[in-house]
N, C-alpha and C. Protein backbone atom coordinates (compact mmCIF):
# COMPACT_ATOMS: atom_id res chain seq x y z
N MET A 1 0.99 -1.19 0.01
CA MET A 1 -0.23 -0.01 -0.10
C MET A 1 0.98 1.06 0.06
N ASN A 2 0.18 2.09 -0.56
CA ASN A 2 1.07 3.37 -0.68
C ASN A 2 0.66 4.28 0.57
N ILE A 3 1.63 4.96 1.00
CA ILE A 3 1.48 5.85 2.17
C ILE A 3 0.77 7.01 1.89
N ASN A 4 0.73 7.45 0.58
CA ASN A 4 -0.06 8.65 0.17
C ASN A 4 -1.55 8.35 0.42
N ILE A 5 -1.97 7.18 -0.02
CA ILE A 5 -3.32 6.84 -0.13
C ILE A 5 -4.02 6.67 1.25
N THR A 6 -2.93 6.18 2.13
CA THR A 6 -3.35 5.84 3.66
C THR A 6 -3.41 7.46 4.16
N ILE A 7 -2.46 8.16 3.86
CA ILE A 7 -2.52 9.52 4.51
C ILE A 7 -4.01 10.28 3.94
N LEU A 8 -4.18 10.08 2.58
CA LEU A 8 -5.22 10.65 2.16
C LEU A 8 -6.64 9.94 2.79
N GLY A 9 -6.73 8.63 2.93
CA GLY A 9 -7.82 8.15 3.50
C GLY A 9 -8.04 8.57 5.08
N GLN A 10 -7.00 8.55 5.80
CA GLN A 10 -7.02 9.03 7.12
C GLN A 10 -7.45 10.65 6.96
N THR A 11 -7.10 11.57 6.21
CA THR A 11 -7.28 12.79 6.06
C THR A 11 -8.77 12.88 5.80
N ILE A 12 -9.34 12.17 4.90
CA ILE A 12 -10.84 12.05 4.46
C ILE A 12 -11.50 11.65 5.90
N SER A 13 -11.24 10.68 6.45
CA SER A 13 -11.82 10.03 7.46
C SER A 13 -11.87 11.15 8.78
N PHE A 14 -10.65 11.81 8.84
CA PHE A 14 -10.64 12.94 9.95
C PHE A 14 -11.56 14.20 9.71
N ILE A 15 -11.58 14.57 8.47
CA ILE A 15 -12.39 15.45 7.90
C ILE A 15 -13.87 15.11 8.27
N ILE A 16 -14.18 13.86 7.85
CA ILE A 16 -15.61 13.35 8.15
C ILE A 16 -15.88 13.40 9.53
N PHE A 17 -14.85 12.88 10.40
CA PHE A 17 -15.14 13.04 11.94
C PHE A 17 -15.38 14.34 12.33
N VAL A 18 -14.28 15.39 12.03
CA VAL A 18 -14.44 16.65 12.36
C VAL A 18 -15.96 17.25 11.98
N LEU A 19 -16.48 17.14 10.54
CA LEU A 19 -17.63 17.55 10.24
C LEU A 19 -18.77 16.87 11.06
N PHE A 20 -18.62 15.62 11.39
CA PHE A 20 -19.64 14.93 12.14
C PHE A 20 -19.62 15.67 13.49
N CYS A 21 -18.41 15.91 14.26
CA CYS A 21 -18.36 16.54 15.38
C CYS A 21 -18.88 17.86 15.38
N MET A 22 -18.75 18.60 14.32
CA MET A 22 -19.03 20.10 14.26
C MET A 22 -20.64 19.91 13.93
N LYS A 23 -21.25 19.06 13.35
CA LYS A 23 -22.66 19.08 13.02
C LYS A 23 -23.39 18.67 14.14
N TYR A 24 -23.02 17.29 15.09
CA TYR A 24 -23.83 16.69 15.90
C TYR A 24 -23.26 16.83 17.50
N ILE A 25 -22.00 16.97 17.58
CA ILE A 25 -21.57 16.91 19.06
C ILE A 25 -21.13 18.35 19.33
N TRP A 26 -20.69 19.11 18.51
CA TRP A 26 -20.09 20.49 19.06
C TRP A 26 -21.52 21.35 19.39
N PRO A 27 -22.44 21.36 18.78
CA PRO A 27 -23.58 22.38 19.13
C PRO A 27 -24.20 22.17 20.47
N PRO A 28 -24.42 20.82 20.84
CA PRO A 28 -24.88 20.69 22.31
C PRO A 28 -23.91 21.18 23.38
N ILE A 29 -22.67 20.69 23.05
CA ILE A 29 -21.56 21.16 23.91
C ILE A 29 -21.32 22.85 24.10
N ILE A 30 -21.66 23.49 22.90
CA ILE A 30 -21.40 24.91 22.99
C ILE A 30 -22.72 25.36 23.65
N LYS A 31 -23.93 24.60 23.44
CA LYS A 31 -24.97 25.24 24.25
C LYS A 31 -24.93 25.14 25.57
N LYS A 32 -24.32 23.96 26.03
CA LYS A 32 -24.18 23.98 27.54
C LYS A 32 -23.22 24.89 28.16
N ILE A 33 -22.22 25.02 27.28
CA ILE A 33 -21.16 25.98 27.92
C ILE A 33 -21.82 27.38 27.78
N LYS A 34 -22.55 27.85 26.66
CA LYS A 34 -23.32 29.17 26.82
C LYS A 34 -24.21 29.25 28.01
N LYS A 35 -25.03 28.05 28.19
CA LYS A 35 -25.93 28.07 29.30
C LYS A 35 -25.11 28.29 30.70
N HIS A 36 -23.99 27.79 30.71
CA HIS A 36 -23.20 27.88 31.90
C HIS A 36 -22.74 29.23 32.09
N GLN A 37 -22.30 29.83 31.00
CA GLN A 37 -21.70 31.22 30.94
C GLN A 37 -22.80 32.19 31.45
N ASP A 38 -23.86 32.03 30.83
CA ASP A 38 -25.01 32.88 31.09
C ASP A 38 -25.43 32.74 32.45
N LYS A 39 -25.45 31.64 33.09
CA LYS A 39 -25.94 31.39 34.50
C LYS A 39 -24.69 31.92 35.34
N ILE A 40 -23.36 31.87 34.92
CA ILE A 40 -22.49 32.33 35.71
C ILE A 40 -22.53 33.88 35.78
N SER A 41 -22.62 34.45 34.48
CA SER A 41 -22.80 35.92 34.41
C SER A 41 -23.90 36.47 35.10
N SER A 42 -25.31 35.82 35.17
CA SER A 42 -26.31 36.21 36.01
C SER A 42 -26.10 36.11 37.37
N GLU A 43 -25.42 34.98 37.81
CA GLU A 43 -24.97 34.87 39.32
C GLU A 43 -24.08 35.99 39.68
N LEU A 44 -23.14 36.33 38.89
CA LEU A 44 -22.09 37.47 39.03
C LEU A 44 -22.74 38.86 39.14
N LYS A 45 -23.85 39.00 38.42
CA LYS A 45 -24.76 40.15 38.44
C LYS A 45 -25.48 40.13 39.80
N ASN A 46 -26.02 38.89 40.09
CA ASN A 46 -26.74 38.81 41.35
C ASN A 46 -26.06 39.00 42.66
N ILE A 47 -24.59 38.73 42.57
CA ILE A 47 -23.73 38.72 43.63
C ILE A 47 -23.41 40.32 43.72
N GLU A 48 -23.17 40.98 42.46
CA GLU A 48 -22.96 42.48 42.65
C GLU A 48 -24.23 43.13 43.28
N LEU A 49 -25.39 42.90 42.79
CA LEU A 49 -26.59 43.40 43.35
C LEU A 49 -26.60 43.14 44.98
N CYS A 50 -26.29 41.85 45.30
CA CYS A 50 -26.26 41.53 46.59
C CYS A 50 -25.29 42.27 47.43
N LYS A 51 -24.01 42.61 46.88
CA LYS A 51 -23.10 43.35 47.57
C LYS A 51 -23.61 44.71 47.80
N LYS A 52 -24.29 45.29 46.73
CA LYS A 52 -24.75 46.72 46.58
C LYS A 52 -25.86 46.75 47.92
N ASP A 53 -26.75 45.65 47.93
CA ASP A 53 -27.83 45.63 48.83
C ASP A 53 -27.27 45.62 50.18
N PHE A 54 -26.18 44.67 50.43
CA PHE A 54 -25.36 44.49 51.56
C PHE A 54 -25.01 45.96 52.28
N ILE A 55 -24.29 46.41 51.30
CA ILE A 55 -23.77 47.66 51.68
C ILE A 55 -24.74 48.78 52.00
N ILE A 56 -26.04 48.88 51.23
CA ILE A 56 -27.03 49.70 51.70
C ILE A 56 -27.68 49.14 52.98
N ILE A 57 -27.80 48.04 53.19
CA ILE A 57 -28.35 47.32 54.59
C ILE A 57 -27.44 47.79 55.58
N GLU A 58 -25.92 47.49 55.24
CA GLU A 58 -25.13 47.66 56.38
C GLU A 58 -25.23 49.20 56.70
N LYS A 59 -25.35 50.31 56.00
CA LYS A 59 -25.23 51.41 56.19
C LYS A 59 -26.60 52.02 56.89
N LEU A 60 -27.51 51.15 56.65
CA LEU A 60 -28.84 51.44 57.30
C LEU A 60 -28.86 51.04 58.87
N ILE A 61 -28.15 49.72 58.94
CA ILE A 61 -27.86 49.12 60.19
C ILE A 61 -27.02 50.18 60.96
N LEU A 62 -25.98 50.70 60.39
CA LEU A 62 -25.21 51.64 61.21
C LEU A 62 -25.94 52.83 61.58
N LYS A 63 -26.66 53.39 60.84
CA LYS A 63 -27.60 54.38 61.06
C LYS A 63 -28.48 54.12 62.22
N LYS A 64 -29.12 52.92 62.15
CA LYS A 64 -30.01 52.48 63.15
C LYS A 64 -29.29 52.43 64.36
N ILE A 65 -28.06 51.81 64.44
CA ILE A 65 -27.22 51.64 65.68
C ILE A 65 -26.93 52.98 66.33
N LYS A 66 -26.49 54.12 65.44
CA LYS A 66 -26.15 55.32 65.97
C LYS A 66 -27.45 55.84 66.46
N LYS A 67 -28.62 55.72 65.91
CA LYS A 67 -30.00 56.31 66.40
C LYS A 67 -30.29 55.78 67.75
N THR A 68 -30.03 54.50 67.81
CA THR A 68 -30.30 53.71 68.94
C THR A 68 -29.28 54.16 70.17
N LYS A 69 -28.20 54.32 69.86
CA LYS A 69 -27.17 54.71 70.79
C LYS A 69 -27.50 56.32 71.28
N LYS A 70 -27.96 57.07 70.25
CA LYS A 70 -28.59 58.40 70.70
C LYS A 70 -29.73 58.26 71.69
N ASN A 71 -30.56 57.41 71.40
CA ASN A 71 -31.88 57.17 72.09
C ASN A 71 -31.37 56.69 73.58
N ALA A 72 -30.44 55.69 73.46
CA ALA A 72 -30.00 55.19 74.80
C ALA A 72 -29.40 56.27 75.82
N ASP A 73 -28.57 56.99 75.02
CA ASP A 73 -27.74 58.26 75.73
C ASP A 73 -29.02 59.21 76.20
N LEU A 74 -29.97 59.49 75.43
CA LEU A 74 -31.12 60.41 75.99
C LEU A 74 -31.75 59.66 76.99
N ILE A 75 -32.02 58.44 76.98
CA ILE A 75 -32.52 57.73 78.20
C ILE A 75 -31.91 57.67 79.36
N ILE A 76 -30.53 57.56 79.32
CA ILE A 76 -29.76 57.54 80.48
C ILE A 76 -29.77 59.12 80.89
N LYS A 77 -29.67 60.01 80.21
CA LYS A 77 -29.62 61.41 80.66
C LYS A 77 -30.94 61.68 81.39
N GLU A 78 -31.88 61.21 80.75
CA GLU A 78 -33.19 61.46 81.26
C GLU A 78 -33.37 60.69 82.77
N ALA A 79 -32.77 59.45 82.80
CA ALA A 79 -32.71 58.62 84.07
C ALA A 79 -31.90 59.28 85.03
N ASN A 80 -30.69 60.01 84.53
CA ASN A 80 -29.85 60.59 85.71
C ASN A 80 -30.43 62.00 86.08
N TYR A 81 -31.27 62.47 85.04
CA TYR A 81 -31.79 63.77 85.60
C TYR A 81 -33.07 63.44 86.58
N ARG A 82 -33.80 62.47 86.06
CA ARG A 82 -34.95 62.00 87.04
C ARG A 82 -34.29 61.50 88.40
N SER A 83 -33.27 60.84 88.59
CA SER A 83 -32.78 60.23 89.74
C SER A 83 -32.16 61.50 90.52
N GLU A 84 -31.58 62.59 89.96
CA GLU A 84 -31.21 63.72 90.70
C GLU A 84 -32.47 64.46 91.13
N GLN A 85 -33.60 64.64 90.40
CA GLN A 85 -34.81 65.07 90.94
C GLN A 85 -35.33 64.28 92.25
N ILE A 86 -35.32 63.12 92.07
CA ILE A 86 -35.68 62.24 93.32
C ILE A 86 -34.82 62.50 94.27
N ILE A 87 -33.33 62.53 94.34
CA ILE A 87 -32.73 62.86 95.31
C ILE A 87 -32.64 64.16 96.04
N LYS A 88 -33.07 65.06 95.06
CA LYS A 88 -33.31 66.38 95.67
C LYS A 88 -34.70 66.45 96.57
N LYS A 89 -35.52 65.73 95.78
CA LYS A 89 -36.85 65.78 96.59
C LYS A 89 -36.70 64.94 98.05
N ALA A 90 -35.97 63.82 97.86
CA ALA A 90 -35.64 62.81 99.16
C ALA A 90 -35.03 63.99 100.20
N GLU A 91 -33.79 64.60 99.71
CA GLU A 91 -33.27 65.59 100.59
C GLU A 91 -34.12 66.70 101.28
N LYS A 92 -35.06 67.02 100.34
CA LYS A 92 -36.02 68.26 100.78
C LYS A 92 -36.67 67.68 101.95
N ILE A 93 -37.47 66.42 101.57
CA ILE A 93 -38.11 65.78 102.62
C ILE A 93 -37.41 65.35 103.85
N ALA A 94 -36.23 64.96 103.81
CA ALA A 94 -35.23 64.63 104.89
C ALA A 94 -35.05 65.93 105.80
N ILE A 95 -34.90 67.22 104.98
CA ILE A 95 -34.53 68.20 105.66
C ILE A 95 -35.74 68.72 106.42
N LYS A 96 -36.89 68.65 105.75
CA LYS A 96 -38.21 69.10 106.40
C LYS A 96 -38.27 68.04 107.72
N ASN A 97 -38.20 66.71 107.43
CA ASN A 97 -38.46 65.97 108.74
C ASN A 97 -37.40 66.11 109.87
N SER A 98 -36.28 66.39 109.27
CA SER A 98 -35.06 66.88 110.38
C SER A 98 -35.32 68.07 111.15
N ASN A 99 -36.08 68.88 110.35
CA ASN A 99 -36.29 70.44 111.02
C ASN A 99 -37.47 70.03 112.05
N LYS A 100 -38.60 69.23 111.51
CA LYS A 100 -39.73 68.77 112.58
C LYS A 100 -39.21 68.22 113.64
N ILE A 101 -38.14 67.44 113.61
CA ILE A 101 -37.70 66.59 114.60
C ILE A 101 -36.84 67.58 115.60
N ILE A 102 -36.28 68.58 114.98
CA ILE A 102 -35.44 69.51 115.74
C ILE A 102 -36.30 70.37 116.57
N GLU A 103 -37.46 70.80 115.96
CA GLU A 103 -38.45 71.63 116.26
C GLU A 103 -39.10 71.08 117.53
N ASN A 104 -39.36 69.72 117.46
CA ASN A 104 -40.22 68.93 118.41
C ASN A 104 -39.12 68.93 119.51
N SER A 105 -37.76 68.44 119.26
CA SER A 105 -37.07 68.24 120.41
C SER A 105 -36.65 69.76 121.11
N ILE A 106 -36.71 70.78 120.37
CA ILE A 106 -36.64 72.14 121.02
C ILE A 106 -37.75 72.40 122.13
N ILE A 107 -38.90 72.05 121.47
CA ILE A 107 -40.15 72.28 122.34
C ILE A 107 -40.19 71.41 123.39
N LYS A 108 -39.60 70.18 123.22
CA LYS A 108 -39.68 69.20 124.43
C LYS A 108 -38.79 69.77 125.71
N ILE A 109 -37.45 70.33 124.95
CA ILE A 109 -36.49 70.74 125.97
C ILE A 109 -36.91 71.90 126.47
N LYS A 110 -37.65 72.91 125.92
CA LYS A 110 -38.23 73.95 126.85
C LYS A 110 -39.24 73.56 127.75
N ILE A 111 -40.17 72.58 127.41
CA ILE A 111 -41.05 72.04 128.22
C ILE A 111 -40.17 71.61 129.48
N GLU A 112 -39.29 70.69 129.08
CA GLU A 112 -38.44 70.11 130.28
C GLU A 112 -37.82 71.29 131.15
N SER A 113 -37.26 72.15 130.47
CA SER A 113 -36.59 73.17 131.19
C SER A 113 -37.73 74.01 132.13
N LYS A 114 -38.75 74.20 131.63
CA LYS A 114 -39.99 75.02 132.45
C LYS A 114 -40.19 74.03 133.67
N ILE A 115 -40.57 72.88 133.22
CA ILE A 115 -40.76 71.89 134.33
C ILE A 115 -39.59 71.97 135.51
N THR A 116 -38.45 71.68 134.86
CA THR A 116 -37.18 71.58 135.97
C THR A 116 -37.23 73.01 136.68
N LYS A 117 -37.49 74.18 135.90
CA LYS A 117 -37.51 75.50 136.57
C LYS A 117 -38.68 75.41 137.65
N GLU A 118 -39.58 75.10 137.53
CA GLU A 118 -40.56 75.12 138.20
C GLU A 118 -40.32 74.44 139.59
N LYS A 119 -39.87 73.11 139.22
CA LYS A 119 -39.47 72.11 140.36
C LYS A 119 -38.38 73.00 141.29
N LEU A 120 -37.31 73.47 140.69
CA LEU A 120 -36.32 74.17 141.17
C LEU A 120 -36.89 75.14 142.18
N LYS A 121 -37.98 76.19 141.54
CA LYS A 121 -38.52 77.07 142.18
C LYS A 121 -39.24 76.71 143.55
N LYS A 122 -39.98 75.58 143.33
CA LYS A 122 -40.63 74.96 144.40
C LYS A 122 -39.67 74.59 145.55
N GLN A 123 -38.60 73.91 145.18
CA GLN A 123 -37.66 73.23 146.04
C GLN A 123 -36.85 74.61 146.75
N PHE A 124 -36.59 75.60 145.94
CA PHE A 124 -35.83 76.64 146.53
C PHE A 124 -36.71 77.47 147.36
N SER A 125 -37.99 77.62 147.12
CA SER A 125 -39.09 78.30 148.01
C SER A 125 -39.37 77.41 149.21
N ASN A 126 -39.20 76.14 149.12
CA ASN A 126 -39.28 75.10 150.24
C ASN A 126 -38.01 75.23 151.17
N LEU A 127 -36.89 75.54 150.73
CA LEU A 127 -35.72 75.53 151.31
C LEU A 127 -35.67 76.92 152.04
N VAL A 128 -36.17 77.95 151.31
CA VAL A 128 -36.23 79.18 152.08
C VAL A 128 -37.24 79.18 153.00
N ILE A 129 -38.42 78.62 153.01
CA ILE A 129 -39.29 78.66 153.98
C ILE A 129 -38.77 77.73 155.04
N ILE A 130 -38.11 76.85 154.88
CA ILE A 130 -37.44 75.99 155.89
C ILE A 130 -36.31 76.81 156.67
N GLY A 131 -35.58 77.54 155.92
CA GLY A 131 -34.48 78.32 156.49
C GLY A 131 -34.99 79.59 157.34
N ILE A 132 -36.20 80.22 156.77
CA ILE A 132 -36.81 81.15 157.56
C ILE A 132 -37.40 80.59 158.85
N ARG A 133 -37.91 79.43 158.63
CA ARG A 133 -38.43 78.99 159.95
C ARG A 133 -37.31 78.76 161.01
N LYS A 134 -36.33 78.23 160.57
CA LYS A 134 -35.10 77.93 161.34
C LYS A 134 -34.59 79.09 162.10
N ILE A 135 -34.59 80.30 161.08
CA ILE A 135 -34.19 81.48 161.48
C ILE A 135 -34.96 82.12 162.56
N ILE A 136 -36.35 82.13 162.45
CA ILE A 136 -37.28 82.54 163.18
C ILE A 136 -37.19 81.77 164.59
N LYS A 137 -37.14 80.45 164.53
CA LYS A 137 -37.03 79.61 165.68
C LYS A 137 -35.71 79.99 166.55
N GLU A 138 -34.80 80.19 165.77
CA GLU A 138 -33.34 80.57 166.45
C GLU A 138 -33.02 81.99 166.53
N TYR A 139 -34.00 82.81 166.15
CA TYR A 139 -33.64 84.24 166.04
C TYR A 139 -33.21 84.62 167.38
N TYR A 140 -33.69 84.06 168.43
CA TYR A 140 -33.25 84.47 169.61
C TYR A 140 -31.73 84.37 169.89
N TYR A 141 -31.32 83.22 169.24
CA TYR A 141 -29.94 82.83 169.56
C TYR A 141 -29.21 83.31 168.52
N LYS A 142 -28.36 84.09 168.63
CA LYS A 142 -27.47 84.94 167.58
C LYS A 142 -26.44 84.04 167.13
N LYS A 143 -25.87 83.14 167.90
CA LYS A 143 -25.03 82.29 167.32
C LYS A 143 -25.59 81.28 166.54
N ASN A 144 -26.48 80.77 166.62
CA ASN A 144 -27.29 79.67 165.95
C ASN A 144 -27.59 80.35 164.42
N HIS A 145 -28.02 81.70 164.62
CA HIS A 145 -28.47 82.35 163.49
C HIS A 145 -27.44 82.20 162.28
N GLU A 146 -26.17 82.35 162.48
CA GLU A 146 -25.05 82.48 161.53
C GLU A 146 -24.94 80.90 160.98
N ASN A 147 -24.98 79.98 161.91
CA ASN A 147 -24.86 78.56 161.50
C ASN A 147 -26.16 78.14 160.46
N VAL A 148 -27.39 78.59 161.01
CA VAL A 148 -28.39 78.33 160.08
C VAL A 148 -28.49 78.90 158.58
N LEU A 149 -27.80 80.18 158.59
CA LEU A 149 -27.78 80.79 157.24
C LEU A 149 -26.59 80.14 156.46
N ASN A 150 -25.48 79.70 156.91
CA ASN A 150 -24.35 78.93 156.36
C ASN A 150 -25.04 77.57 155.89
N ASP A 151 -25.95 77.03 156.82
CA ASP A 151 -26.61 75.72 156.33
C ASP A 151 -27.42 75.84 155.24
N ILE A 152 -28.22 77.14 155.18
CA ILE A 152 -29.15 77.11 154.15
C ILE A 152 -28.24 77.43 152.76
N ILE A 153 -27.20 78.19 152.79
CA ILE A 153 -26.25 78.50 151.73
C ILE A 153 -25.84 77.25 151.08
N LYS A 154 -25.22 76.32 152.05
CA LYS A 154 -24.77 75.09 151.49
C LYS A 154 -25.66 74.33 150.64
N LYS A 155 -27.06 74.27 151.17
CA LYS A 155 -28.07 73.53 150.80
C LYS A 155 -28.38 74.15 149.36
N ILE A 156 -28.49 75.48 149.03
CA ILE A 156 -28.81 76.11 147.76
C ILE A 156 -27.61 75.93 146.79
């Protein structure tokens, strides 16, 4: 056999094989590849959209967090202000109560001092009366008169 005929036969069979592949095998493969390319490109577009949405949502979340922090700060300030008001009110009430207690104590002290003064006046008047009686009894005795006065002075 001749090599040229063999090469020619192989070339013709290869061309037929290539034409067969181009006609029946290649189009479905190209379709599949095209579908995959379209699917991948649409997924990439979706990913880009999702990234944009994510960035927008992230910004919104950050804004909400800032807003929430501001609200929390306002609530804390309000609570602090309210607690200061409550403390001031409690201090005023405590001062009023302590003033009442002090006034009551002063009144009690005044009453006690009056009572004590009255008792002392009575005791002093009793001592004076006793002393005067002794002086009158012993008036006639001059020596005893000085002793009685000294005795009264010691008791007073």
